């Protein structure tokens, strides 16, 4: 998390090879796939509790349900 109002490359959890610390290569995924992966991970971490997952993602439950439907989850 940055203490500044300006973000730098150090504020993002990327390795030198362009991979997120979660182990997937950003060069091989599109935005929809990354969104689906993150939603699945957050839902799993919250044991399927949509309200808690939505809160963690900074979404309303309704928005998360829309995204779940979009990704067929």
N, C-alpha and C. Protein backbone atom coordinates (compact mmCIF):
# COMPACT_ATOMS: atom_id res chain seq x y z
N UNK A 1 0.84 -1.17 0.00
CA UNK A 1 0.00 0.00 0.00
C UNK A 1 0.89 1.23 0.00
N UNK A 2 0.51 2.20 -0.77
CA UNK A 2 1.32 3.40 -0.89
C UNK A 2 0.90 4.45 0.12
N UNK A 3 1.88 5.15 0.68
CA UNK A 3 1.59 6.26 1.58
C UNK A 3 1.45 7.56 0.80
N UNK A 4 1.77 7.52 -0.46
CA UNK A 4 1.76 8.70 -1.32
C UNK A 4 0.47 8.74 -2.14
N UNK A 5 0.17 9.89 -2.70
CA UNK A 5 -1.00 10.00 -3.58
C UNK A 5 -0.65 9.58 -5.00
N UNK A 6 0.62 9.25 -5.24
CA UNK A 6 1.08 8.81 -6.55
C UNK A 6 1.59 7.37 -6.46
N UNK A 7 1.14 6.53 -7.39
CA UNK A 7 1.57 5.14 -7.41
C UNK A 7 2.84 4.99 -8.24
N UNK A 8 3.69 4.08 -7.81
CA UNK A 8 4.89 3.75 -8.59
C UNK A 8 4.88 2.26 -8.86
N UNK A 9 5.88 1.78 -9.62
CA UNK A 9 5.93 0.35 -9.94
C UNK A 9 6.09 -0.50 -8.69
N UNK A 10 6.59 0.07 -7.61
CA UNK A 10 6.78 -0.67 -6.36
C UNK A 10 5.47 -0.92 -5.62
N UNK A 11 4.41 -0.20 -6.00
CA UNK A 11 3.11 -0.37 -5.35
C UNK A 11 2.35 -1.58 -5.89
N UNK A 12 2.85 -2.18 -6.97
CA UNK A 12 2.19 -3.33 -7.58
C UNK A 12 3.00 -4.57 -7.27
N UNK A 13 2.31 -5.66 -6.97
CA UNK A 13 2.98 -6.90 -6.59
C UNK A 13 3.36 -7.69 -7.83
N UNK A 14 4.32 -7.18 -8.57
CA UNK A 14 4.78 -7.85 -9.79
C UNK A 14 6.23 -8.24 -9.63
N UNK A 15 6.59 -9.34 -10.23
CA UNK A 15 8.00 -9.72 -10.26
C UNK A 15 8.63 -9.13 -11.51
N UNK A 16 9.90 -9.29 -11.66
CA UNK A 16 10.61 -8.75 -12.81
C UNK A 16 10.13 -9.38 -14.12
N UNK A 17 9.58 -10.58 -14.06
CA UNK A 17 9.10 -11.25 -15.26
C UNK A 17 7.65 -10.89 -15.60
N UNK A 18 7.05 -9.96 -14.91
CA UNK A 18 5.67 -9.56 -15.20
C UNK A 18 4.64 -10.53 -14.66
N UNK A 19 4.97 -11.24 -13.60
CA UNK A 19 4.02 -12.16 -13.00
C UNK A 19 3.54 -11.61 -11.67
N UNK A 20 2.26 -11.85 -11.39
CA UNK A 20 1.74 -11.51 -10.08
C UNK A 20 2.29 -12.53 -9.09
N UNK A 21 2.35 -12.17 -7.83
CA UNK A 21 2.85 -13.08 -6.82
C UNK A 21 1.98 -14.32 -6.66
N UNK A 22 0.75 -14.30 -7.21
CA UNK A 22 -0.13 -15.46 -7.13
C UNK A 22 0.27 -16.54 -8.13
N UNK A 23 1.26 -16.27 -8.97
CA UNK A 23 1.80 -17.30 -9.83
C UNK A 23 1.28 -17.33 -11.25
N UNK A 24 0.38 -16.45 -11.66
CA UNK A 24 -0.02 -16.52 -13.05
C UNK A 24 0.62 -15.40 -13.85
N UNK A 25 0.94 -15.73 -15.09
CA UNK A 25 1.67 -14.84 -15.98
C UNK A 25 0.70 -13.85 -16.61
N UNK A 26 0.90 -12.58 -16.35
CA UNK A 26 0.00 -11.54 -16.85
C UNK A 26 0.00 -11.44 -18.37
N UNK A 27 1.06 -11.89 -19.02
CA UNK A 27 1.13 -11.80 -20.48
C UNK A 27 0.22 -12.80 -21.18
N UNK A 28 -0.27 -13.80 -20.48
CA UNK A 28 -1.08 -14.84 -21.13
C UNK A 28 -2.56 -14.75 -20.77
N UNK A 29 -2.97 -13.77 -20.01
CA UNK A 29 -4.36 -13.63 -19.60
C UNK A 29 -4.92 -12.30 -20.07
N UNK A 30 -6.23 -12.28 -20.35
CA UNK A 30 -6.87 -11.00 -20.62
C UNK A 30 -7.60 -10.55 -19.34
N UNK A 31 -8.13 -9.36 -19.36
CA UNK A 31 -8.74 -8.77 -18.17
C UNK A 31 -9.88 -9.63 -17.62
N UNK A 32 -10.73 -10.17 -18.50
CA UNK A 32 -11.84 -11.01 -18.04
C UNK A 32 -11.34 -12.25 -17.30
N UNK A 33 -10.28 -12.86 -17.82
CA UNK A 33 -9.74 -14.06 -17.16
C UNK A 33 -9.15 -13.72 -15.80
N UNK A 34 -8.45 -12.61 -15.71
CA UNK A 34 -7.87 -12.19 -14.43
C UNK A 34 -8.98 -11.89 -13.43
N UNK A 35 -10.04 -11.20 -13.89
CA UNK A 35 -11.18 -10.90 -13.02
C UNK A 35 -11.80 -12.19 -12.49
N UNK A 36 -12.00 -13.17 -13.37
CA UNK A 36 -12.60 -14.45 -12.96
C UNK A 36 -11.72 -15.16 -11.93
N UNK A 37 -10.42 -15.19 -12.17
CA UNK A 37 -9.49 -15.86 -11.26
C UNK A 37 -9.53 -15.20 -9.88
N UNK A 38 -9.54 -13.88 -9.85
CA UNK A 38 -9.55 -13.16 -8.58
C UNK A 38 -10.86 -13.39 -7.84
N UNK A 39 -11.98 -13.33 -8.56
CA UNK A 39 -13.28 -13.57 -7.93
C UNK A 39 -13.33 -14.97 -7.34
N UNK A 40 -12.87 -15.97 -8.10
CA UNK A 40 -12.86 -17.35 -7.59
C UNK A 40 -12.01 -17.46 -6.33
N UNK A 41 -10.85 -16.84 -6.34
CA UNK A 41 -9.95 -16.92 -5.18
C UNK A 41 -10.57 -16.26 -3.95
N UNK A 42 -11.16 -15.07 -4.14
CA UNK A 42 -11.76 -14.36 -3.01
C UNK A 42 -12.97 -15.12 -2.48
N UNK A 43 -13.78 -15.68 -3.36
CA UNK A 43 -14.92 -16.50 -2.92
C UNK A 43 -14.44 -17.71 -2.13
N UNK A 44 -13.40 -18.37 -2.62
CA UNK A 44 -12.86 -19.54 -1.91
C UNK A 44 -12.34 -19.14 -0.54
N UNK A 45 -11.62 -18.02 -0.47
CA UNK A 45 -11.08 -17.55 0.81
C UNK A 45 -12.18 -17.19 1.80
N UNK A 46 -13.36 -16.83 1.28
CA UNK A 46 -14.50 -16.47 2.13
C UNK A 46 -15.52 -17.60 2.20
N UNK A 47 -15.10 -18.80 1.83
CA UNK A 47 -15.93 -20.01 1.90
C UNK A 47 -17.29 -19.83 1.22
N UNK A 48 -17.28 -19.15 0.07
CA UNK A 48 -18.49 -18.97 -0.71
C UNK A 48 -19.41 -17.88 -0.23
N UNK A 49 -19.03 -17.15 0.80
CA UNK A 49 -19.86 -16.08 1.34
C UNK A 49 -19.77 -14.87 0.41
N UNK A 50 -20.83 -14.65 -0.37
CA UNK A 50 -20.84 -13.60 -1.39
C UNK A 50 -20.75 -12.22 -0.76
N UNK A 51 -21.43 -12.01 0.35
CA UNK A 51 -21.39 -10.69 1.00
C UNK A 51 -19.97 -10.33 1.44
N UNK A 52 -19.28 -11.27 2.06
CA UNK A 52 -17.91 -11.01 2.51
C UNK A 52 -16.97 -10.84 1.32
N UNK A 53 -17.14 -11.66 0.29
CA UNK A 53 -16.30 -11.56 -0.90
C UNK A 53 -16.50 -10.22 -1.59
N UNK A 54 -17.76 -9.79 -1.71
CA UNK A 54 -18.05 -8.50 -2.34
C UNK A 54 -17.40 -7.37 -1.56
N UNK A 55 -17.50 -7.44 -0.25
CA UNK A 55 -16.89 -6.41 0.59
C UNK A 55 -15.38 -6.37 0.40
N UNK A 56 -14.75 -7.52 0.37
CA UNK A 56 -13.30 -7.59 0.19
C UNK A 56 -12.88 -7.05 -1.18
N UNK A 57 -13.72 -7.27 -2.18
CA UNK A 57 -13.42 -6.80 -3.53
C UNK A 57 -13.81 -5.34 -3.75
N UNK A 58 -14.50 -4.75 -2.78
CA UNK A 58 -14.94 -3.36 -2.93
C UNK A 58 -16.13 -3.22 -3.86
N UNK A 59 -16.95 -4.27 -3.91
CA UNK A 59 -18.14 -4.28 -4.77
C UNK A 59 -19.39 -4.43 -3.92
N UNK A 60 -20.52 -4.06 -4.51
CA UNK A 60 -21.79 -4.39 -3.86
C UNK A 60 -22.08 -5.86 -4.16
N UNK A 61 -22.96 -6.46 -3.38
CA UNK A 61 -23.36 -7.85 -3.66
C UNK A 61 -23.95 -7.97 -5.05
N UNK A 62 -24.76 -6.98 -5.42
CA UNK A 62 -25.39 -7.00 -6.74
C UNK A 62 -24.35 -6.99 -7.85
N UNK A 63 -23.33 -6.15 -7.70
CA UNK A 63 -22.26 -6.09 -8.71
C UNK A 63 -21.50 -7.41 -8.79
N UNK A 64 -21.24 -8.01 -7.63
CA UNK A 64 -20.53 -9.29 -7.63
C UNK A 64 -21.40 -10.37 -8.28
N UNK A 65 -22.70 -10.39 -7.98
CA UNK A 65 -23.58 -11.37 -8.61
C UNK A 65 -23.58 -11.21 -10.13
N UNK A 66 -23.57 -9.96 -10.61
CA UNK A 66 -23.51 -9.71 -12.06
C UNK A 66 -22.23 -10.30 -12.65
N UNK A 67 -21.13 -10.10 -11.96
CA UNK A 67 -19.84 -10.62 -12.45
C UNK A 67 -19.80 -12.15 -12.36
N UNK A 68 -20.41 -12.72 -11.33
CA UNK A 68 -20.49 -14.17 -11.24
C UNK A 68 -21.27 -14.74 -12.42
N UNK A 69 -22.37 -14.10 -12.76
CA UNK A 69 -23.17 -14.54 -13.90
C UNK A 69 -22.38 -14.39 -15.20
N UNK A 70 -21.69 -13.26 -15.34
CA UNK A 70 -20.89 -12.98 -16.53
C UNK A 70 -19.85 -14.08 -16.76
N UNK A 71 -19.25 -14.57 -15.69
CA UNK A 71 -18.19 -15.57 -15.79
C UNK A 71 -18.71 -17.01 -15.64
N UNK A 72 -20.01 -17.16 -15.48
CA UNK A 72 -20.58 -18.49 -15.35
C UNK A 72 -20.19 -19.20 -14.06
N UNK A 73 -20.02 -18.42 -13.01
CA UNK A 73 -19.62 -18.98 -11.71
C UNK A 73 -20.82 -19.17 -10.80
